[in-house]
Amino acid sequence: PPYPQPKQAREEEASLGLRLSIGANGRVVAVEPVGKVDRTFFGAARRHILARWRYKPATEDGRAVASSTVITLKFELED
């Protein structure tokens, strides 16, 4: 996701635990924080993930089904 400008200007980094709910069509339909997260980083990540991320749908008995996964997303500045 794009780095939040205020956080980049202050050279802040973050590691976010996120639970993604994925629809049967592979689109991410919800993003929830897992544990404590910075609101600015979470907002940037949530907007980007909902708009752009796609997954191969999970299947059950050969049919696409909704699923969820937990990821760690890191915002890190390059040296």
Protein backbone atom coordinates (compact mmCIF):
# COMPACT_ATOMS: atom_id res chain seq x y z
CA PRO A 1 0.00 0.00 0.00
CA PRO A 2 1.08 3.60 -0.45
CA TYR A 3 2.99 4.89 2.58
CA PRO A 4 0.93 7.47 4.54
CA GLN A 5 2.64 10.82 3.88
CA PRO A 6 2.57 12.09 7.50
CA LYS A 7 4.15 8.84 8.72
CA GLN A 8 6.77 8.90 5.98
CA ALA A 9 7.69 12.50 6.80
CA ARG A 10 8.26 11.49 10.45
CA GLU A 11 10.09 8.33 9.34
CA GLU A 12 7.68 6.10 11.27
CA GLU A 13 7.36 2.40 10.48
CA ALA A 14 4.72 -0.14 11.43
CA SER A 15 3.89 -3.83 11.40
CA LEU A 16 0.16 -4.58 11.21
CA GLY A 17 -1.65 -7.81 11.98
CA LEU A 18 -4.71 -7.95 9.73
CA ARG A 19 -7.56 -10.43 9.30
CA LEU A 20 -8.80 -10.47 5.71
CA SER A 21 -12.24 -11.80 4.83
CA ILE A 22 -12.23 -13.08 1.26
CA GLY A 23 -15.41 -13.61 -0.73
CA ALA A 24 -16.11 -16.62 -2.93
CA ASN A 25 -15.12 -14.44 -5.91
CA GLY A 26 -11.63 -13.87 -4.45
CA ARG A 27 -12.14 -10.22 -3.55
CA VAL A 28 -11.21 -8.99 -0.09
CA VAL A 29 -14.51 -7.88 1.47
CA ALA A 30 -13.34 -6.87 4.97
CA VAL A 31 -10.12 -5.95 6.75
CA GLU A 32 -9.95 -6.04 10.55
CA PRO A 33 -7.03 -5.29 12.84
CA VAL A 34 -5.53 -8.10 14.90
CA GLY A 35 -4.16 -6.57 18.07
CA LYS A 36 -3.22 -2.94 18.45
CA VAL A 37 -2.57 -1.03 15.21
CA ASP A 38 -1.86 2.57 14.30
CA ARG A 39 -5.03 4.11 12.81
CA THR A 40 -3.23 5.99 10.04
CA PHE A 41 -1.32 2.94 8.81
CA PHE A 42 -4.45 0.77 9.19
CA GLY A 43 -6.58 3.18 7.16
CA ALA A 44 -4.06 3.30 4.32
CA ALA A 45 -3.69 -0.48 4.28
CA ARG A 46 -7.45 -1.12 4.47
CA ARG A 47 -8.29 1.21 1.57
CA HIS A 48 -5.59 -0.27 -0.64
CA ILE A 49 -6.37 -3.91 0.18
CA LEU A 50 -10.12 -3.53 -0.40
CA ALA A 51 -9.57 -1.77 -3.72
CA ARG A 52 -6.79 -3.88 -5.21
CA TRP A 53 -6.02 -7.22 -3.57
CA ARG A 54 -7.43 -10.42 -5.05
CA TYR A 55 -7.00 -14.04 -4.02
CA LYS A 56 -7.65 -17.37 -5.63
CA PRO A 57 -10.85 -18.40 -3.82
CA ALA A 58 -10.82 -21.24 -1.33
CA THR A 59 -12.75 -24.29 -2.46
CA GLU A 60 -14.93 -26.84 -0.74
CA ASP A 61 -16.20 -29.87 -2.65
CA GLY A 62 -15.01 -28.16 -5.84
CA ARG A 63 -16.98 -24.95 -5.20
CA ALA A 64 -15.53 -21.53 -4.46
CA VAL A 65 -16.30 -20.47 -0.87
CA ALA A 66 -15.68 -17.46 1.35
CA SER A 67 -12.68 -17.69 3.65
CA SER A 68 -10.40 -15.62 5.85
CA THR A 69 -6.70 -15.32 6.51
CA VAL A 70 -4.45 -13.42 8.89
CA ILE A 71 -1.47 -11.56 7.47
CA THR A 72 1.31 -9.32 8.75
CA LEU A 73 1.81 -6.19 6.67
CA LYS A 74 4.93 -4.12 7.21
CA PHE A 75 5.43 -0.47 6.37
CA GLU A 76 9.20 -0.03 6.24
CA LEU A 77 11.30 2.84 4.95
CA GLU A 78 14.13 1.99 2.61
CA ASP A 79 17.67 2.78 3.70
